[in-house]
Amino acid sequence: MPHYIAVHRFKSADARKEYCMPPEKRNPPSTTQTKKQWGLSVDDLSETVKCRQQWVGDDIAFCHWEAPSQEELLELFNRVGPTDKLTIELHEQWRFISFYNQTDEPIEHKEY
C-alpha cells in the first residue's frame, strides 16, 4: 500500500490553540487520550486509509498515512477533518524505513 506524508500548517493562531489545547481545558472538557487509544481511533477511521504516525510542532505538523490513493486520503480528510484548522499538502513516498521496524527486507530503490 502506498505511503504518504501529509504536511499540515495551522490556518491561524486560534486554530493552533484549539487543535493543541489539552482536552481537560476544552469546552466541554474531556479526558486525555493515551497513545494506544489514538492508534486505535485512527486505525478505525477507514477500512483502507490508515494514519500510522504523527508529529506536531509549533507551526507545522506531519502525519504518515497508508492509503490506496491520494484521492481516498483526501476524501477521508474532508469527511473527518481537520481541514477547517489545517492545510494539507500530500507527498507519496516510495521508501519507508524506520529504526522502529528493523527487518532483513531489502531497501527499496527507484530508477528515474
PDB file of N, CA and C in Angstrom:
ATOM      1  N   MET A   1       0.858  -1.172   0.000  1.00  0.00           N
ATOM      2  CA  MET A   1       0.000   0.000   0.000  1.00  0.00           C
ATOM      3  C   MET A   1       0.901   1.231   0.000  1.00  0.00           C
ATOM      4  N   PRO A   2       0.584   2.243  -0.781  1.00  0.00           N
ATOM      5  CA  PRO A   2       1.395   3.469  -0.816  1.00  0.00           C
ATOM      6  C   PRO A   2       1.417   4.201   0.529  1.00  0.00           C
ATOM      7  N   HIS A   3       2.548   4.818   0.795  1.00  0.00           N
ATOM      8  CA  HIS A   3       2.728   5.650   1.988  1.00  0.00           C
ATOM      9  C   HIS A   3       2.685   7.115   1.563  1.00  0.00           C
ATOM     10  N   TYR A   4       2.100   7.953   2.423  1.00  0.00           N
ATOM     11  CA  TYR A   4       2.024   9.388   2.175  1.00  0.00           C
ATOM     12  C   TYR A   4       2.482  10.139   3.410  1.00  0.00           C
ATOM     13  N   ILE A   5       3.156  11.247   3.189  1.00  0.00           N
ATOM     14  CA  ILE A   5       3.439  12.205   4.252  1.00  0.00           C
ATOM     15  C   ILE A   5       2.512  13.382   4.002  1.00  0.00           C
ATOM     16  N   ALA A   6       1.721  13.702   5.018  1.00  0.00           N
ATOM     17  CA  ALA A   6       0.859  14.887   4.956  1.00  0.00           C
ATOM     18  C   ALA A   6       1.544  15.985   5.751  1.00  0.00           C
ATOM     19  N   VAL A   7       1.789  17.105   5.094  1.00  0.00           N
ATOM     20  CA  VAL A   7       2.374  18.267   5.749  1.00  0.00           C
ATOM     21  C   VAL A   7       1.220  19.211   6.051  1.00  0.00           C
ATOM     22  N   HIS A   8       1.081  19.561   7.323  1.00  0.00           N
ATOM     23  CA  HIS A   8      -0.016  20.425   7.750  1.00  0.00           C
ATOM     24  C   HIS A   8       0.528  21.707   8.358  1.00  0.00           C
ATOM     25  N   ARG A   9      -0.136  22.798   8.062  1.00  0.00           N
ATOM     26  CA  ARG A   9       0.143  24.084   8.722  1.00  0.00           C
ATOM     27  C   ARG A   9      -1.181  24.576   9.292  1.00  0.00           C
ATOM     28  N   PHE A  10      -1.107  25.163  10.471  1.00  0.00           N
ATOM     29  CA  PHE A  10      -2.310  25.721  11.079  1.00  0.00           C
ATOM     30  C   PHE A  10      -2.754  26.944  10.290  1.00  0.00           C
ATOM     31  N   LYS A  11      -4.055  27.076  10.071  1.00  0.00           N
ATOM     32  CA  LYS A  11      -4.592  28.186   9.292  1.00  0.00           C
ATOM     33  C   LYS A  11      -4.578  29.497  10.058  1.00  0.00           C
ATOM     34  N   SER A  12      -4.508  29.425  11.393  1.00  0.00           N
ATOM     35  CA  SER A  12      -4.474  30.642  12.210  1.00  0.00           C
ATOM     36  C   SER A  12      -3.947  30.294  13.596  1.00  0.00           C
ATOM     37  N   ALA A  13      -3.611  31.321  14.359  1.00  0.00           N
ATOM     38  CA  ALA A  13      -3.185  31.111  15.746  1.00  0.00           C
ATOM     39  C   ALA A  13      -4.320  30.523  16.565  1.00  0.00           C
ATOM     40  N   ASP A  14      -5.558  30.948  16.296  1.00  0.00           N
ATOM     41  CA  ASP A  14      -6.705  30.398  17.011  1.00  0.00           C
ATOM     42  C   ASP A  14      -6.911  28.919  16.681  1.00  0.00           C
ATOM     43  N   ALA A  15      -6.713  28.543  15.417  1.00  0.00           N
ATOM     44  CA  ALA A  15      -6.837  27.139  15.031  1.00  0.00           C
ATOM     45  C   ALA A  15      -5.784  26.288  15.739  1.00  0.00           C
ATOM     46  N   ARG A  16      -4.559  26.800  15.818  1.00  0.00           N
ATOM     47  CA  ARG A  16      -3.485  26.076  16.516  1.00  0.00           C
ATOM     48  C   ARG A  16      -3.831  25.922  17.992  1.00  0.00           C
ATOM     49  N   LYS A  17      -4.308  27.010  18.606  1.00  0.00           N
ATOM     50  CA  LYS A  17      -4.658  26.978  20.026  1.00  0.00           C
ATOM     51  C   LYS A  17      -5.746  25.938  20.285  1.00  0.00           C
ATOM     52  N   GLU A  18      -6.781  25.938  19.443  1.00  0.00           N
ATOM     53  CA  GLU A  18      -7.882  24.992  19.620  1.00  0.00           C
ATOM     54  C   GLU A  18      -7.429  23.553  19.387  1.00  0.00           C
ATOM     55  N   TYR A  19      -6.644  23.307  18.338  1.00  0.00           N
ATOM     56  CA  TYR A  19      -6.192  21.947  17.993  1.00  0.00           C
ATOM     57  C   TYR A  19      -5.269  21.379  19.068  1.00  0.00           C
ATOM     58  N   CYS A  20      -4.412  22.214  19.618  1.00  0.00           N
ATOM     59  CA  CYS A  20      -3.389  21.753  20.564  1.00  0.00           C
ATOM     60  C   CYS A  20      -3.831  21.822  22.024  1.00  0.00           C
ATOM     61  N   MET A  21      -4.963  22.416  22.294  1.00  0.00           N
ATOM     62  CA  MET A  21      -5.429  22.605  23.670  1.00  0.00           C
ATOM     63  C   MET A  21      -5.613  21.253  24.379  1.00  0.00           C
ATOM     64  N   PRO A  22      -5.109  21.146  25.614  1.00  0.00           N
ATOM     65  CA  PRO A  22      -5.328  19.913  26.375  1.00  0.00           C
ATOM     66  C   PRO A  22      -6.826  19.642  26.538  1.00  0.00           C
ATOM     67  N   PRO A  23      -7.244  18.394  26.416  1.00  0.00           N
ATOM     68  CA  PRO A  23      -8.679  18.063  26.475  1.00  0.00           C
ATOM     69  C   PRO A  23      -9.384  18.546  27.738  1.00  0.00           C
ATOM     70  N   GLU A  24      -8.683  18.548  28.860  1.00  0.00           N
ATOM     71  CA  GLU A  24      -9.326  18.963  30.116  1.00  0.00           C
ATOM     72  C   GLU A  24      -9.624  20.464  30.152  1.00  0.00           C
ATOM     73  N   LYS A  25      -9.021  21.246  29.244  1.00  0.00           N
ATOM     74  CA  LYS A  25      -9.262  22.690  29.190  1.00  0.00           C
ATOM     75  C   LYS A  25     -10.270  23.076  28.112  1.00  0.00           C
ATOM     76  N   ARG A  26     -10.764  22.095  27.344  1.00  0.00           N
ATOM     77  CA  ARG A  26     -11.736  22.379  26.282  1.00  0.00           C
ATOM     78  C   ARG A  26     -13.122  22.588  26.873  1.00  0.00           C
ATOM     79  N   ASN A  27     -14.005  23.131  26.040  1.00  0.00           N
ATOM     80  CA  ASN A  27     -15.378  23.349  26.460  1.00  0.00           C
ATOM     81  C   ASN A  27     -16.298  22.548  25.548  1.00  0.00           C
ATOM     82  N   PRO A  28     -16.860  21.442  25.973  1.00  0.00           N
ATOM     83  CA  PRO A  28     -16.756  20.878  27.315  1.00  0.00           C
ATOM     84  C   PRO A  28     -15.449  20.087  27.473  1.00  0.00           C
ATOM     85  N   PRO A  29     -14.994  19.950  28.708  1.00  0.00           N
ATOM     86  CA  PRO A  29     -13.754  19.197  28.970  1.00  0.00           C
ATOM     87  C   PRO A  29     -13.929  17.708  28.642  1.00  0.00           C
ATOM     88  N   SER A  30     -12.818  17.074  28.310  1.00  0.00           N
ATOM     89  CA  SER A  30     -12.816  15.621  28.102  1.00  0.00           C
ATOM     90  C   SER A  30     -11.537  15.056  28.700  1.00  0.00           C
ATOM     91  N   THR A  31     -11.395  13.751  28.648  1.00  0.00           N
ATOM     92  CA  THR A  31     -10.209  13.124  29.229  1.00  0.00           C
ATOM     93  C   THR A  31      -9.090  13.048  28.195  1.00  0.00           C
ATOM     94  N   THR A  32      -7.875  12.984  28.682  1.00  0.00           N
ATOM     95  CA  THR A  32      -6.708  12.863  27.812  1.00  0.00           C
ATOM     96  C   THR A  32      -6.660  11.465  27.209  1.00  0.00           C
ATOM     97  N   GLN A  33      -6.411  11.403  25.920  1.00  0.00           N
ATOM     98  CA  GLN A  33      -6.311  10.145  25.198  1.00  0.00           C
ATOM     99  C   GLN A  33      -4.912   9.568  25.367  1.00  0.00           C
ATOM    100  N   THR A  34      -4.801   8.253  25.499  1.00  0.00           N
ATOM    101  CA  THR A  34      -3.488   7.618  25.537  1.00  0.00           C
ATOM    102  C   THR A  34      -2.984   7.416  24.109  1.00  0.00           C
ATOM    103  N   LYS A  35      -1.712   7.140  23.960  1.00  0.00           N
ATOM    104  CA  LYS A  35      -1.151   6.882  22.629  1.00  0.00           C
ATOM    105  C   LYS A  35      -1.775   5.631  22.016  1.00  0.00           C
ATOM    106  N   LYS A  36      -2.064   4.637  22.851  1.00  0.00           N
ATOM    107  CA  LYS A  36      -2.727   3.426  22.362  1.00  0.00           C
ATOM    108  C   LYS A  36      -4.124   3.757  21.854  1.00  0.00           C
ATOM    109  N   GLN A  37      -4.872   4.559  22.626  1.00  0.00           N
ATOM    110  CA  GLN A  37      -6.213   4.952  22.199  1.00  0.00           C
ATOM    111  C   GLN A  37      -6.165   5.736  20.892  1.00  0.00           C
ATOM    112  N   TRP A  38      -5.163   6.623  20.750  1.00  0.00           N
ATOM    113  CA  TRP A  38      -5.013   7.367  19.498  1.00  0.00           C
ATOM    114  C   TRP A  38      -4.816   6.396  18.341  1.00  0.00           C
ATOM    115  N   GLY A  39      -3.910   5.433  18.518  1.00  0.00           N
ATOM    116  CA  GLY A  39      -3.633   4.467  17.452  1.00  0.00           C
ATOM    117  C   GLY A  39      -4.868   3.685  17.046  1.00  0.00           C
ATOM    118  N   LEU A  40      -5.644   3.248  18.018  1.00  0.00           N
ATOM    119  CA  LEU A  40      -6.867   2.507  17.709  1.00  0.00           C
ATOM    120  C   LEU A  40      -7.894   3.399  17.027  1.00  0.00           C
ATOM    121  N   SER A  41      -8.004   4.657  17.461  1.00  0.00           N
ATOM    122  CA  SER A  41      -9.005   5.550  16.878  1.00  0.00           C
ATOM    123  C   SER A  41      -8.681   5.889  15.429  1.00  0.00           C
ATOM    124  N   VAL A  42      -7.426   6.140  15.109  1.00  0.00           N
ATOM    125  CA  VAL A  42      -7.094   6.477  13.717  1.00  0.00           C
ATOM    126  C   VAL A  42      -7.094   5.237  12.832  1.00  0.00           C
ATOM    127  N   ASP A  43      -6.927   4.067  13.421  1.00  0.00           N
ATOM    128  CA  ASP A  43      -6.996   2.833  12.640  1.00  0.00           C
ATOM    129  C   ASP A  43      -8.443   2.521  12.258  1.00  0.00           C
ATOM    130  N   ASP A  44      -9.394   3.012  13.047  1.00  0.00           N
ATOM    131  CA  ASP A  44     -10.811   2.758  12.796  1.00  0.00           C
ATOM    132  C   ASP A  44     -11.481   3.807  11.912  1.00  0.00           C
ATOM    133  N   LEU A  45     -10.751   4.819  11.448  1.00  0.00           N
ATOM    134  CA  LEU A  45     -11.352   5.873  10.630  1.00  0.00           C
ATOM    135  C   LEU A  45     -11.852   5.362   9.289  1.00  0.00           C
ATOM    136  N   SER A  46     -11.164   4.345   8.753  1.00  0.00           N
ATOM    137  CA  SER A  46     -11.468   3.864   7.408  1.00  0.00           C
ATOM    138  C   SER A  46     -10.963   2.431   7.270  1.00  0.00           C
ATOM    139  N   GLU A  47     -11.591   1.680   6.382  1.00  0.00           N
ATOM    140  CA  GLU A  47     -11.117   0.320   6.089  1.00  0.00           C
ATOM    141  C   GLU A  47      -9.789   0.335   5.342  1.00  0.00           C
ATOM    142  N   THR A  48      -9.553   1.371   4.543  1.00  0.00           N
ATOM    143  CA  THR A  48      -8.398   1.361   3.645  1.00  0.00           C
ATOM    144  C   THR A  48      -7.371   2.454   3.915  1.00  0.00           C
ATOM    145  N   VAL A  49      -7.769   3.533   4.591  1.00  0.00           N
ATOM    146  CA  VAL A  49      -6.867   4.660   4.838  1.00  0.00           C
ATOM    147  C   VAL A  49      -6.473   4.639   6.306  1.00  0.00           C
ATOM    148  N   LYS A  50      -5.160   4.599   6.586  1.00  0.00           N
ATOM    149  CA  LYS A  50      -4.677   4.438   7.958  1.00  0.00           C
ATOM    150  C   LYS A  50      -3.591   5.461   8.280  1.00  0.00           C
ATOM    151  N   CYS A  51      -3.769   6.196   9.384  1.00  0.00           N
ATOM    152  CA  CYS A  51      -2.712   7.071   9.889  1.00  0.00           C
ATOM    153  C   CYS A  51      -1.790   6.218  10.739  1.00  0.00           C
ATOM    154  N   ARG A  52      -0.499   6.307  10.509  1.00  0.00           N
ATOM    155  CA  ARG A  52       0.451   5.458  11.212  1.00  0.00           C
ATOM    156  C   ARG A  52       1.336   6.221  12.194  1.00  0.00           C
ATOM    157  N   GLN A  53       1.589   7.499  11.931  1.00  0.00           N
ATOM    158  CA  GLN A  53       2.449   8.288  12.807  1.00  0.00           C
ATOM    159  C   GLN A  53       2.049   9.751  12.707  1.00  0.00           C
ATOM    160  N   GLN A  54       2.354  10.499  13.779  1.00  0.00           N
ATOM    161  CA  GLN A  54       2.014  11.924  13.788  1.00  0.00           C
ATOM    162  C   GLN A  54       3.089  12.684  14.553  1.00  0.00           C
ATOM    163  N   TRP A  55       3.470  13.824  14.008  1.00  0.00           N
ATOM    164  CA  TRP A  55       4.379  14.752  14.677  1.00  0.00           C
ATOM    165  C   TRP A  55       3.714  16.120  14.636  1.00  0.00           C
ATOM    166  N   VAL A  56       3.605  16.791  15.779  1.00  0.00           N
ATOM    167  CA  VAL A  56       3.003  18.120  15.831  1.00  0.00           C
ATOM    168  C   VAL A  56       4.001  19.065  16.475  1.00  0.00           C
ATOM    169  N   GLY A  57       4.320  20.153  15.774  1.00  0.00           N
ATOM    170  CA  GLY A  57       5.206  21.181  16.299  1.00  0.00           C
ATOM    171  C   GLY A  57       4.453  22.481  16.466  1.00  0.00           C
ATOM    172  N   ASP A  58       5.179  23.547  16.708  1.00  0.00           N
ATOM    173  CA  ASP A  58       4.539  24.836  16.965  1.00  0.00           C
ATOM    174  C   ASP A  58       3.818  25.405  15.748  1.00  0.00           C
ATOM    175  N   ASP A  59       4.363  25.200  14.548  1.00  0.00           N
ATOM    176  CA  ASP A  59       3.719  25.805  13.383  1.00  0.00           C
ATOM    177  C   ASP A  59       3.512  24.841  12.221  1.00  0.00           C
ATOM    178  N   ILE A  60       3.935  23.577  12.396  1.00  0.00           N
ATOM    179  CA  ILE A  60       3.801  22.599  11.317  1.00  0.00           C
ATOM    180  C   ILE A  60       3.596  21.215  11.927  1.00  0.00           C
ATOM    181  N   ALA A  61       2.843  20.385  11.230  1.00  0.00           N
ATOM    182  CA  ALA A  61       2.618  19.012  11.677  1.00  0.00           C
ATOM    183  C   ALA A  61       2.837  18.076  10.496  1.00  0.00           C
ATOM    184  N   PHE A  62       3.252  16.855  10.793  1.00  0.00           N
ATOM    185  CA  PHE A  62       3.457  15.824   9.778  1.00  0.00           C
ATOM    186  C   PHE A  62       2.691  14.579  10.197  1.00  0.00           C
ATOM    187  N   CYS A  63       2.043  13.933   9.255  1.00  0.00           N
ATOM    188  CA  CYS A  63       1.376  12.669   9.520  1.00  0.00           C
ATOM    189  C   CYS A  63       1.800  11.670   8.444  1.00  0.00           C
ATOM    190  N   HIS A  64       2.027  10.447   8.870  1.00  0.00           N
ATOM    191  CA  HIS A  64       2.370   9.351   7.967  1.00  0.00           C
ATOM    192  C   HIS A  64       1.102   8.528   7.757  1.00  0.00           C
ATOM    193  N   TRP A  65       0.690   8.399   6.504  1.00  0.00           N
ATOM    194  CA  TRP A  65      -0.531   7.685   6.144  1.00  0.00           C
ATOM    195  C   TRP A  65      -0.236   6.548   5.193  1.00  0.00           C
ATOM    196  N   GLU A  66      -1.049   5.504   5.264  1.00  0.00           N
ATOM    197  CA  GLU A  66      -1.100   4.456   4.246  1.00  0.00           C
ATOM    198  C   GLU A  66      -2.477   4.564   3.600  1.00  0.00           C
ATOM    199  N   ALA A  67      -2.510   4.597   2.279  1.00  0.00           N
ATOM    200  CA  ALA A  67      -3.788   4.732   1.567  1.00  0.00           C
ATOM    201  C   ALA A  67      -3.638   4.180   0.160  1.00  0.00           C
ATOM    202  N   PRO A  68      -4.699   3.617  -0.383  1.00  0.00           N
ATOM    203  CA  PRO A  68      -4.632   3.111  -1.760  1.00  0.00           C
ATOM    204  C   PRO A  68      -4.373   4.206  -2.787  1.00  0.00           C
ATOM    205  N   SER A  69      -4.843   5.435  -2.484  1.00  0.00           N
ATOM    206  CA  SER A  69      -4.649   6.540  -3.421  1.00  0.00           C
ATOM    207  C   SER A  69      -4.732   7.865  -2.673  1.00  0.00           C
ATOM    208  N   GLN A  70      -4.191   8.885  -3.296  1.00  0.00           N
ATOM    209  CA  GLN A  70      -4.270  10.236  -2.745  1.00  0.00           C
ATOM    210  C   GLN A  70      -5.727  10.687  -2.665  1.00  0.00           C
ATOM    211  N   GLU A  71      -6.540  10.288  -3.637  1.00  0.00           N
ATOM    212  CA  GLU A  71      -7.939  10.679  -3.661  1.00  0.00           C
ATOM    213  C   GLU A  71      -8.682  10.127  -2.446  1.00  0.00           C
ATOM    214  N   GLU A  72      -8.439   8.855  -2.093  1.00  0.00           N
ATOM    215  CA  GLU A  72      -9.106   8.276  -0.923  1.00  0.00           C
ATOM    216  C   GLU A  72      -8.662   8.961   0.361  1.00  0.00           C
ATOM    217  N   LEU A  73      -7.392   9.332   0.426  1.00  0.00           N
ATOM    218  CA  LEU A  73      -6.883  10.033   1.604  1.00  0.00           C
ATOM    219  C   LEU A  73      -7.541  11.411   1.732  1.00  0.00           C
ATOM    220  N   LEU A  74      -7.657  12.145   0.636  1.00  0.00           N
ATOM    221  CA  LEU A  74      -8.312  13.454   0.660  1.00  0.00           C
ATOM    222  C   LEU A  74      -9.794  13.337   1.012  1.00  0.00           C
ATOM    223  N   GLU A  75     -10.458  12.281   0.530  1.00  0.00           N
ATOM    224  CA  GLU A  75     -11.860  12.056   0.884  1.00  0.00           C
ATOM    225  C   GLU A  75     -12.007  11.871   2.395  1.00  0.00           C
ATOM    226  N   LEU A  76     -11.073  11.137   3.004  1.00  0.00           N
ATOM    227  CA  LEU A  76     -11.122  10.944   4.453  1.00  0.00           C
ATOM    228  C   LEU A  76     -10.917  12.270   5.179  1.00  0.00           C
ATOM    229  N   PHE A  77      -9.935  13.060   4.753  1.00  0.00           N
ATOM    230  CA  PHE A  77      -9.707  14.375   5.376  1.00  0.00           C
ATOM    231  C   PHE A  77     -10.968  15.224   5.314  1.00  0.00           C
ATOM    232  N   ASN A  78     -11.637  15.220   4.163  1.00  0.00           N
ATOM    233  CA  ASN A  78     -12.841  16.030   4.012  1.00  0.00           C
ATOM    234  C   ASN A  78     -13.993  15.513   4.879  1.00  0.00           C
ATOM    235  N   ARG A  79     -14.002  14.210   5.151  1.00  0.00           N
ATOM    236  CA  ARG A  79     -15.074  13.619   5.953  1.00  0.00           C
ATOM    237  C   ARG A  79     -14.867  13.835   7.446  1.00  0.00           C
ATOM    238  N   VAL A  80     -13.620  13.663   7.924  1.00  0.00           N
ATOM    239  CA  VAL A  80     -13.380  13.708   9.374  1.00  0.00           C
ATOM    240  C   VAL A  80     -12.625  14.952   9.825  1.00  0.00           C
ATOM    241  N   GLY A  81     -12.234  15.815   8.903  1.00  0.00           N
ATOM    242  CA  GLY A  81     -11.449  16.998   9.270  1.00  0.00           C
ATOM    243  C   GLY A  81      -9.998  16.617   9.354  1.00  0.00           C
ATOM    244  N   PRO A  82      -9.164  17.446   9.796  1.00  0.00           N
ATOM    245  CA  PRO A  82      -9.362  18.774  10.357  1.00  0.00           C
ATOM    246  C   PRO A  82      -9.115  19.889   9.328  1.00  0.00           C
ATOM    247  N   THR A  83      -9.738  19.796   8.171  1.00  0.00           N
ATOM    248  CA  THR A  83      -9.483  20.781   7.114  1.00  0.00           C
ATOM    249  C   THR A  83      -9.899  22.190   7.496  1.00  0.00           C
ATOM    250  N   ASP A  84     -10.716  22.336   8.544  1.00  0.00           N
ATOM    251  CA  ASP A  84     -11.093  23.677   8.976  1.00  0.00           C
ATOM    252  C   ASP A  84      -9.968  24.360   9.750  1.00  0.00           C
ATOM    253  N   LYS A  85      -9.022  23.573  10.297  1.00  0.00           N
ATOM    254  CA  LYS A  85      -7.938  24.134  11.110  1.00  0.00           C
ATOM    255  C   LYS A  85      -6.564  24.037  10.447  1.00  0.00           C
ATOM    256  N   LEU A  86      -6.406  23.067   9.537  1.00  0.00           N
ATOM    257  CA  LEU A  86      -5.083  22.788   8.965  1.00  0.00           C
ATOM    258  C   LEU A  86      -5.119  22.764   7.451  1.00  0.00           C
ATOM    259  N   THR A  87      -4.027  23.204   6.833  1.00  0.00           N
ATOM    260  CA  THR A  87      -3.851  22.991   5.396  1.00  0.00           C
ATOM    261  C   THR A  87      -3.298  21.576   5.212  1.00  0.00           C
ATOM    262  N   ILE A  88      -3.454  21.036   4.018  1.00  0.00           N
ATOM    263  CA  ILE A  88      -2.995  19.675   3.740  1.00  0.00           C
ATOM    264  C   ILE A  88      -2.175  19.678   2.465  1.00  0.00           C
ATOM    265  N   GLU A  89      -0.963  19.206   2.571  1.00  0.00           N
ATOM    266  CA  GLU A  89      -0.069  19.038   1.425  1.00  0.00           C
ATOM    267  C   GLU A  89       0.388  17.586   1.453  1.00  0.00           C
ATOM    268  N   LEU A  90       0.060  16.807   0.414  1.00  0.00           N
ATOM    269  CA  LEU A  90       0.372  15.376   0.396  1.00  0.00           C
ATOM    270  C   LEU A  90       1.556  15.062  -0.506  1.00  0.00           C
ATOM    271  N   HIS A  91       2.377  14.128  -0.038  1.00  0.00           N
ATOM    272  CA  HIS A  91       3.531  13.655  -0.810  1.00  0.00           C
ATOM    273  C   HIS A  91       3.601  12.142  -0.694  1.00  0.00           C
ATOM    274  N   GLU A  92       3.474  11.447  -1.838  1.00  0.00           N
ATOM    275  CA  GLU A  92       3.608   9.992  -1.815  1.00  0.00           C
ATOM    276  C   GLU A  92       5.082   9.633  -1.633  1.00  0.00           C
ATOM    277  N   GLN A  93       5.337   8.631  -0.809  1.00  0.00           N
ATOM    278  CA  GLN A  93       6.694   8.188  -0.510  1.00  0.00           C
ATOM    279  C   GLN A  93       6.850   6.737  -0.950  1.00  0.00           C
ATOM    280  N   TRP A  94       7.833   6.454  -1.774  1.00  0.00           N
ATOM    281  CA  TRP A  94       8.004   5.090  -2.241  1.00  0.00           C
ATOM    282  C   TRP A  94       8.969   4.292  -1.363  1.00  0.00           C
ATOM    283  N   ARG A  95       9.653   4.944  -0.434  1.00  0.00           N
ATOM    284  CA  ARG A  95      10.522   4.226   0.504  1.00  0.00           C
ATOM    285  C   ARG A  95      10.109   4.572   1.928  1.00  0.00           C
ATOM    286  N   PHE A  96       9.928   3.529   2.745  1.00  0.00           N
ATOM    287  CA  PHE A  96       9.627   3.716   4.160  1.00  0.00           C
ATOM    288  C   PHE A  96      10.548   2.813   4.963  1.00  0.00           C
ATOM    289  N   ILE A  97      11.458   3.424   5.689  1.00  0.00           N
ATOM    290  CA  ILE A  97      12.386   2.707   6.572  1.00  0.00           C
ATOM    291  C   ILE A  97      12.283   3.361   7.941  1.00  0.00           C
ATOM    292  N   SER A  98      12.264   2.551   8.968  1.00  0.00           N
ATOM    293  CA  SER A  98      12.159   3.097  10.311  1.00  0.00           C
ATOM    294  C   SER A  98      13.094   2.355  11.256  1.00  0.00           C
ATOM    295  N   PHE A  99      13.746   3.091  12.132  1.00  0.00           N
ATOM    296  CA  PHE A  99      14.540   2.496  13.194  1.00  0.00           C
ATOM    297  C   PHE A  99      13.677   1.558  14.029  1.00  0.00           C
ATOM    298  N   TYR A 100      12.384   1.890  14.149  1.00  0.00           N
ATOM    299  CA  TYR A 100      11.470   1.126  14.983  1.00  0.00           C
ATOM    300  C   TYR A 100      10.956  -0.137  14.304  1.00  0.00           C
ATOM    301  N   ASN A 101      11.320  -0.367  13.048  1.00  0.00           N
ATOM    302  CA  ASN A 101      10.864  -1.551  12.314  1.00  0.00           C
ATOM    303  C   ASN A 101      12.040  -2.124  11.524  1.00  0.00           C
ATOM    304  N   GLN A 102      13.013  -2.653  12.237  1.00  0.00           N
ATOM    305  CA  GLN A 102      14.203  -3.180  11.583  1.00  0.00           C
ATOM    306  C   GLN A 102      13.948  -4.618  11.144  1.00  0.00           C
ATOM    307  N   THR A 103      14.093  -4.857   9.837  1.00  0.00           N
ATOM    308  CA  THR A 103      13.901  -6.199   9.284  1.00  0.00           C
ATOM    309  C   THR A 103      15.058  -6.498   8.341  1.00  0.00           C
ATOM    310  N   ASP A 104      15.061  -7.694   7.824  1.00  0.00           N
ATOM    311  CA  ASP A 104      16.069  -8.092   6.845  1.00  0.00           C
ATOM    312  C   ASP A 104      15.578  -7.902   5.417  1.00  0.00           C
ATOM    313  N   GLU A 105      14.440  -7.215   5.242  1.00  0.00           N
ATOM    314  CA  GLU A 105      13.953  -6.914   3.899  1.00  0.00           C
ATOM    315  C   GLU A 105      14.897  -5.937   3.215  1.00  0.00           C
ATOM    316  N   PRO A 106      15.096  -6.098   1.905  1.00  0.00           N
ATOM    317  CA  PRO A 106      15.972  -5.150   1.212  1.00  0.00           C
ATOM    318  C   PRO A 106      15.347  -3.760   1.127  1.00  0.00           C
ATOM    319  N   ILE A 107      16.187  -2.739   1.064  1.00  0.00           N
ATOM    320  CA  ILE A 107      15.748  -1.349   0.925  1.00  0.00           C
ATOM    321  C   ILE A 107      15.259  -1.134  -0.508  1.00  0.00           C
ATOM    322  N   GLU A 108      14.135  -0.443  -0.636  1.00  0.00           N
ATOM    323  CA  GLU A 108      13.574  -0.163  -1.956  1.00  0.00           C
ATOM    324  C   GLU A 108      14.416   0.880  -2.688  1.00  0.00           C
ATOM    325  N   HIS A 109      14.490   0.726  -4.004  1.00  0.00           N
ATOM    326  CA  HIS A 109      15.164   1.713  -4.867  1.00  0.00           C
ATOM    327  C   HIS A 109      14.238   2.011  -6.040  1.00  0.00           C
ATOM    328  N   LYS A 110      14.463   3.152  -6.645  1.00  0.00           N
ATOM    329  CA  LYS A 110      13.642   3.572  -7.767  1.00  0.00           C
ATOM    330  C   LYS A 110      14.533   4.169  -8.829  1.00  0.00           C
ATOM    331  N   GLU A 111      14.360   3.719 -10.047  1.00  0.00           N
ATOM    332  CA  GLU A 111      15.132   4.272 -11.162  1.00  0.00           C
ATOM    333  C   GLU A 111      14.367   5.408 -11.801  1.00  0.00           C
ATOM    334  N   TYR A 112      15.087   6.457 -12.152  1.00  0.00           N
ATOM    335  CA  TYR A 112      14.470   7.601 -12.827  1.00  0.00           C
ATOM    336  C   TYR A 112      15.014   7.723 -14.220  1.00  0.00           C
TER     337      TYR A 112
END
